[in-house]
PDB file of N, CA and C in Angstrom:
ATOM      1  N   MET A   1      97.892 101.808  97.659  1.00  0.00           N
ATOM      2  CA  MET A   1      98.476 100.937  97.290  1.00  0.00           C
ATOM      3  C   MET A   1      97.570  99.509  98.120  1.00  0.00           C
ATOM      4  N   ASP A   2      97.360  99.711  99.449  1.00  0.00           N
ATOM      5  CA  ASP A   2      96.584  98.964 100.036  1.00  0.00           C
ATOM      6  C   ASP A   2      95.230  98.469  99.458  1.00  0.00           C
ATOM      7  N   ARG A   3      94.630  99.516  98.663  1.00  0.00           N
ATOM      8  CA  ARG A   3      93.403  99.366  97.947  1.00  0.00           C
ATOM      9  C   ARG A   3      93.637  98.142  96.875  1.00  0.00           C
ATOM     10  N   ILE A   4      94.578  98.312  96.233  1.00  0.00           N
ATOM     11  CA  ILE A   4      95.097  97.240  95.100  1.00  0.00           C
ATOM     12  C   ILE A   4      94.930  95.944  95.702  1.00  0.00           C
ATOM     13  N   VAL A   5      95.818  95.882  96.639  1.00  0.00           N
ATOM     14  CA  VAL A   5      96.197  94.396  97.289  1.00  0.00           C
ATOM     15  C   VAL A   5      94.805  94.062  97.717  1.00  0.00           C
ATOM     16  N   ASP A   6      93.962  95.003  98.515  1.00  0.00           N
ATOM     17  CA  ASP A   6      92.694  94.285  98.803  1.00  0.00           C
ATOM     18  C   ASP A   6      91.671  93.860  97.733  1.00  0.00           C
ATOM     19  N   ILE A   7      91.681  94.737  96.709  1.00  0.00           N
ATOM     20  CA  ILE A   7      90.993  94.396  95.429  1.00  0.00           C
ATOM     21  C   ILE A   7      91.509  92.961  95.028  1.00  0.00           C
ATOM     22  N   LYS A   8      92.984  92.777  94.883  1.00  0.00           N
ATOM     23  CA  LYS A   8      93.286  91.605  94.367  1.00  0.00           C
ATOM     24  C   LYS A   8      93.113  90.333  95.144  1.00  0.00           C
ATOM     25  N   ASP A   9      93.226  90.531  96.686  1.00  0.00           N
ATOM     26  CA  ASP A   9      92.644  89.473  97.343  1.00  0.00           C
ATOM     27  C   ASP A   9      91.225  89.046  97.137  1.00  0.00           C
ATOM     28  N   GLN A  10      90.408  90.035  97.137  1.00  0.00           N
ATOM     29  CA  GLN A  10      88.931  89.811  96.740  1.00  0.00           C
ATOM     30  C   GLN A  10      88.772  89.076  95.416  1.00  0.00           C
ATOM     31  N   GLN A  11      89.439  89.422  94.404  1.00  0.00           N
ATOM     32  CA  GLN A  11      89.544  88.746  93.125  1.00  0.00           C
ATOM     33  C   GLN A  11      89.688  87.371  93.161  1.00  0.00           C
ATOM     34  N   ASP A  12      90.846  87.033  93.894  1.00  0.00           N
ATOM     35  CA  ASP A  12      91.377  85.624  94.062  1.00  0.00           C
ATOM     36  C   ASP A  12      90.402  85.060  94.839  1.00  0.00           C
ATOM     37  N   LYS A  13      89.438  85.354  96.041  1.00  0.00           N
ATOM     38  CA  LYS A  13      88.897  84.502  96.545  1.00  0.00           C
ATOM     39  C   LYS A  13      87.514  84.097  95.843  1.00  0.00           C
ATOM     40  N   LEU A  14      86.989  85.386  95.099  1.00  0.00           N
ATOM     41  CA  LEU A  14      85.743  85.262  94.272  1.00  0.00           C
ATOM     42  C   LEU A  14      85.981  84.250  93.037  1.00  0.00           C
ATOM     43  N   ASN A  15      87.349  84.501  92.414  1.00  0.00           N
ATOM     44  CA  ASN A  15      87.527  83.467  91.453  1.00  0.00           C
ATOM     45  C   ASN A  15      87.817  81.981  91.755  1.00  0.00           C
ATOM     46  N   THR A  16      87.999  81.927  92.997  1.00  0.00           N
ATOM     47  CA  THR A  16      88.291  80.230  93.321  1.00  0.00           C
ATOM     48  C   THR A  16      86.773  79.837  93.636  1.00  0.00           C
ATOM     49  N   LYS A  17      86.000  80.888  94.181  1.00  0.00           N
ATOM     50  CA  LYS A  17      84.872  80.431  94.326  1.00  0.00           C
ATOM     51  C   LYS A  17      83.876  79.991  92.948  1.00  0.00           C
ATOM     52  N   TYR A  18      84.055  81.054  92.229  1.00  0.00           N
ATOM     53  CA  TYR A  18      83.551  80.884  90.924  1.00  0.00           C
ATOM     54  C   TYR A  18      83.860  79.592  89.906  1.00  0.00           C
ATOM     55  N   LYS A  19      85.111  79.230  90.086  1.00  0.00           N
ATOM     56  CA  LYS A  19      85.642  77.936  89.419  1.00  0.00           C
ATOM     57  C   LYS A  19      85.053  76.815  89.909  1.00  0.00           C
ATOM     58  N   LEU A  20      84.902  76.874  91.529  1.00  0.00           N
ATOM     59  CA  LEU A  20      84.091  75.625  92.003  1.00  0.00           C
ATOM     60  C   LEU A  20      82.463  75.547  91.714  1.00  0.00           C
ATOM     61  N   LEU A  21      81.938  76.845  91.697  1.00  0.00           N
ATOM     62  CA  LEU A  21      80.629  76.946  91.148  1.00  0.00           C
ATOM     63  C   LEU A  21      80.517  76.270  89.674  1.00  0.00           C
ATOM     64  N   VAL A  22      81.208  76.441  89.040  1.00  0.00           N
ATOM     65  CA  VAL A  22      81.168  76.210  87.449  1.00  0.00           C
ATOM     66  C   VAL A  22      81.280  74.754  87.609  1.00  0.00           C
ATOM     67  N   GLU A  23      82.267  74.030  88.188  1.00  0.00           N
ATOM     68  CA  GLU A  23      82.636  72.761  88.088  1.00  0.00           C
ATOM     69  C   GLU A  23      81.330  72.135  88.880  1.00  0.00           C
ATOM     70  N   GLN A  24      80.863  72.673  89.789  1.00  0.00           N
ATOM     71  CA  GLN A  24      79.646  72.050  90.426  1.00  0.00           C
ATOM     72  C   GLN A  24      78.292  72.010  89.450  1.00  0.00           C
ATOM     73  N   ALA A  25      77.978  72.884  88.666  1.00  0.00           N
ATOM     74  CA  ALA A  25      77.022  73.199  87.859  1.00  0.00           C
ATOM     75  C   ALA A  25      77.341  72.050  86.741  1.00  0.00           C
ATOM     76  N   TYR A  26      78.507  71.992  86.374  1.00  0.00           N
ATOM     77  CA  TYR A  26      78.941  70.927  84.960  1.00  0.00           C
ATOM     78  C   TYR A  26      78.696  69.538  85.483  1.00  0.00           C
ATOM     79  N   ASN A  27      78.975  69.077  86.827  1.00  0.00           N
ATOM     80  CA  ASN A  27      79.146  67.821  87.456  1.00  0.00           C
ATOM     81  C   ASN A  27      77.466  67.674  87.554  1.00  0.00           C
ATOM     82  N   LEU A  28      76.553  68.544  87.964  1.00  0.00           N
ATOM     83  CA  LEU A  28      75.154  68.186  88.262  1.00  0.00           C
ATOM     84  C   LEU A  28      74.470  68.052  87.135  1.00  0.00           C
ATOM     85  N   ARG A  29      75.092  68.483  85.959  1.00  0.00           N
ATOM     86  CA  ARG A  29      74.057  68.536  84.668  1.00  0.00           C
ATOM     87  C   ARG A  29      73.293  67.466  84.526  1.00  0.00           C
ATOM     88  N   GLN A  30      73.944  66.307  84.632  1.00  0.00           N
ATOM     89  CA  GLN A  30      73.368  65.060  84.311  1.00  0.00           C
ATOM     90  C   GLN A  30      72.277  64.394  85.442  1.00  0.00           C
ATOM     91  N   THR A  31      72.749  64.548  86.566  1.00  0.00           N
ATOM     92  CA  THR A  31      71.823  64.188  87.641  1.00  0.00           C
ATOM     93  C   THR A  31      70.937  65.318  87.912  1.00  0.00           C
ATOM     94  N   ASP A  32      70.950  66.425  88.279  1.00  0.00           N
ATOM     95  CA  ASP A  32      69.897  67.132  88.591  1.00  0.00           C
ATOM     96  C   ASP A  32      70.137  68.610  87.890  1.00  0.00           C
ATOM     97  N   SER A  33      69.626  68.827  86.884  1.00  0.00           N
ATOM     98  CA  SER A  33      69.456  69.950  86.037  1.00  0.00           C
ATOM     99  C   SER A  33      69.029  71.236  86.769  1.00  0.00           C
ATOM    100  N   ALA A  34      68.172  71.335  87.996  1.00  0.00           N
ATOM    101  CA  ALA A  34      67.590  72.317  88.760  1.00  0.00           C
ATOM    102  C   ALA A  34      68.874  72.859  89.427  1.00  0.00           C
ATOM    103  N   LEU A  35      69.723  71.842  90.106  1.00  0.00           N
ATOM    104  CA  LEU A  35      70.511  72.403  90.986  1.00  0.00           C
ATOM    105  C   LEU A  35      71.891  72.859  90.201  1.00  0.00           C
ATOM    106  N   SER A  36      72.101  72.479  88.961  1.00  0.00           N
ATOM    107  CA  SER A  36      72.820  72.590  87.963  1.00  0.00           C
ATOM    108  C   SER A  36      72.606  74.275  87.641  1.00  0.00           C
ATOM    109  N   ASP A  37      71.372  74.548  87.183  1.00  0.00           N
ATOM    110  CA  ASP A  37      71.138  75.903  86.792  1.00  0.00           C
ATOM    111  C   ASP A  37      71.448  76.996  87.837  1.00  0.00           C
ATOM    112  N   ILE A  38      70.962  76.596  89.188  1.00  0.00           N
ATOM    113  CA  ILE A  38      71.233  77.307  90.118  1.00  0.00           C
ATOM    114  C   ILE A  38      72.785  77.792  90.568  1.00  0.00           C
ATOM    115  N   SER A  39      73.417  76.521  90.490  1.00  0.00           N
ATOM    116  CA  SER A  39      75.028  76.925  90.521  1.00  0.00           C
ATOM    117  C   SER A  39      75.436  77.639  89.471  1.00  0.00           C
ATOM    118  N   GLU A  40      74.980  77.551  88.181  1.00  0.00           N
ATOM    119  CA  GLU A  40      75.363  78.325  86.932  1.00  0.00           C
ATOM    120  C   GLU A  40      74.946  79.871  87.432  1.00  0.00           C
ATOM    121  N   TYR A  41      73.743  80.054  87.704  1.00  0.00           N
ATOM    122  CA  TYR A  41      73.391  81.536  88.268  1.00  0.00           C
ATOM    123  C   TYR A  41      74.438  81.935  89.158  1.00  0.00           C
ATOM    124  N   ARG A  42      74.449  81.307  90.341  1.00  0.00           N
ATOM    125  CA  ARG A  42      75.388  81.898  91.144  1.00  0.00           C
ATOM    126  C   ARG A  42      77.001  82.112  90.501  1.00  0.00           C
ATOM    127  N   ALA A  43      77.307  81.371  89.737  1.00  0.00           N
ATOM    128  CA  ALA A  43      78.790  81.718  89.135  1.00  0.00           C
ATOM    129  C   ALA A  43      78.690  82.932  88.172  1.00  0.00           C
ATOM    130  N   ILE A  44      77.350  82.933  87.675  1.00  0.00           N
ATOM    131  CA  ILE A  44      77.443  84.179  86.653  1.00  0.00           C
ATOM    132  C   ILE A  44      77.306  85.505  87.823  1.00  0.00           C
ATOM    133  N   LYS A  45      76.586  85.579  88.793  1.00  0.00           N
ATOM    134  CA  LYS A  45      76.643  86.507  89.598  1.00  0.00           C
ATOM    135  C   LYS A  45      77.901  86.814  90.038  1.00  0.00           C
ATOM    136  N   LEU A  46      78.985  86.097  90.347  1.00  0.00           N
ATOM    137  CA  LEU A  46      80.261  85.935  90.962  1.00  0.00           C
ATOM    138  C   LEU A  46      81.022  86.831  89.944  1.00  0.00           C
ATOM    139  N   LEU A  47      80.492  86.377  88.477  1.00  0.00           N
ATOM    140  CA  LEU A  47      81.514  86.790  87.419  1.00  0.00           C
ATOM    141  C   LEU A  47      81.222  88.262  87.149  1.00  0.00           C
ATOM    142  N   ASN A  48      80.050  88.564  87.546  1.00  0.00           N
ATOM    143  CA  ASN A  48      79.636  89.999  87.501  1.00  0.00           C
ATOM    144  C   ASN A  48      80.414  90.874  88.580  1.00  0.00           C
ATOM    145  N   LYS A  49      80.533  90.179  89.662  1.00  0.00           N
ATOM    146  CA  LYS A  49      81.287  90.903  90.766  1.00  0.00           C
ATOM    147  C   LYS A  49      82.965  91.020  90.253  1.00  0.00           C
ATOM    148  N   LEU A  50      83.643  89.851  89.705  1.00  0.00           N
ATOM    149  CA  LEU A  50      84.636  89.845  89.447  1.00  0.00           C
ATOM    150  C   LEU A  50      85.136  91.078  88.209  1.00  0.00           C
ATOM    151  N   ASN A  51      84.209  91.155  87.435  1.00  0.00           N
ATOM    152  CA  ASN A  51      84.104  92.003  86.251  1.00  0.00           C
ATOM    153  C   ASN A  51      84.322  93.635  86.798  1.00  0.00           C
ATOM    154  N   ARG A  52      83.311  93.942  87.843  1.00  0.00           N
ATOM    155  CA  ARG A  52      83.260  95.062  88.592  1.00  0.00           C
ATOM    156  C   ARG A  52      84.659  95.223  89.340  1.00  0.00           C
ATOM    157  N   LEU A  53      85.248  94.466  89.904  1.00  0.00           N
ATOM    158  CA  LEU A  53      86.562  94.453  90.635  1.00  0.00           C
ATOM    159  C   LEU A  53      87.586  94.708  89.521  1.00  0.00           C
ATOM    160  N   LYS A  54      87.441  93.883  88.414  1.00  0.00           N
ATOM    161  CA  LYS A  54      88.529  94.112  87.396  1.00  0.00           C
ATOM    162  C   LYS A  54      88.574  95.378  87.005  1.00  0.00           C
ATOM    163  N   TYR A  55      87.461  96.178  86.802  1.00  0.00           N
ATOM    164  CA  TYR A  55      87.488  97.496  86.455  1.00  0.00           C
ATOM    165  C   TYR A  55      87.790  98.590  87.397  1.00  0.00           C
ATOM    166  N   LEU A  56      87.595  98.288  88.714  1.00  0.00           N
ATOM    167  CA  LEU A  56      87.998  98.935  89.843  1.00  0.00           C
ATOM    168  C   LEU A  56      89.836  99.061  89.802  1.00  0.00           C
ATOM    169  N   SER A  57      90.135  97.932  89.740  1.00  0.00           N
ATOM    170  CA  SER A  57      91.739  97.623  89.985  1.00  0.00           C
ATOM    171  C   SER A  57      92.441  98.277  88.743  1.00  0.00           C
ATOM    172  N   ARG A  58      91.828  98.238  87.640  1.00  0.00           N
ATOM    173  CA  ARG A  58      92.123  98.936  86.305  1.00  0.00           C
ATOM    174  C   ARG A  58      92.315 100.553  86.515  1.00  0.00           C
ATOM    175  N   GLY A  59      91.384 100.915  87.220  1.00  0.00           N
ATOM    176  CA  GLY A  59      91.219 102.242  87.598  1.00  0.00           C
ATOM    177  C   GLY A  59      92.608 102.838  88.428  1.00  0.00           C
ATOM    178  N   GLN A  60      92.729 101.847  89.438  1.00  0.00           N
ATOM    179  CA  GLN A  60      93.635 102.198  90.371  1.00  0.00           C
ATOM    180  C   GLN A  60      95.150 101.940  89.754  1.00  0.00           C
ATOM    181  N   ASN A  61      95.413 100.998  88.821  1.00  0.00           N
ATOM    182  CA  ASN A  61      96.404 100.821  88.001  1.00  0.00           C
ATOM    183  C   ASN A  61      96.960 102.087  87.185  1.00  0.00           C
ATOM    184  N   GLN A  62      95.904 102.682  86.530  1.00  0.00           N
ATOM    185  CA  GLN A  62      96.386 103.839  85.590  1.00  0.00           C
ATOM    186  C   GLN A  62      96.663 104.972  86.286  1.00  0.00           C
ATOM    187  N   SER A  63      95.986 105.352  87.737  1.00  0.00           N
ATOM    188  CA  SER A  63      96.461 106.449  88.212  1.00  0.00           C
ATOM    189  C   SER A  63      97.933 106.173  89.186  1.00  0.00           C
ATOM    190  N   ALA A  64      98.389 104.785  89.477  1.00  0.00           N
ATOM    191  CA  ALA A  64      99.364 104.671  90.054  1.00  0.00           C
ATOM    192  C   ALA A  64     100.549 104.950  89.216  1.00  0.00           C
TER     193      ALA A  64
END
């Protein structure tokens, strides 16, 4: 059960960071497109991590 809680905490942290990066990318779009692209790339990488954690937590929920 601790593993599920740890995964959920990690998901919450990454989700908050993801939202900040997406907002930053959007805000930079008009002024600095290069920084916007970098923020968007980092957000995509975080989204990939979130999807992997979601898959792990799904497996834990099925076995519990």
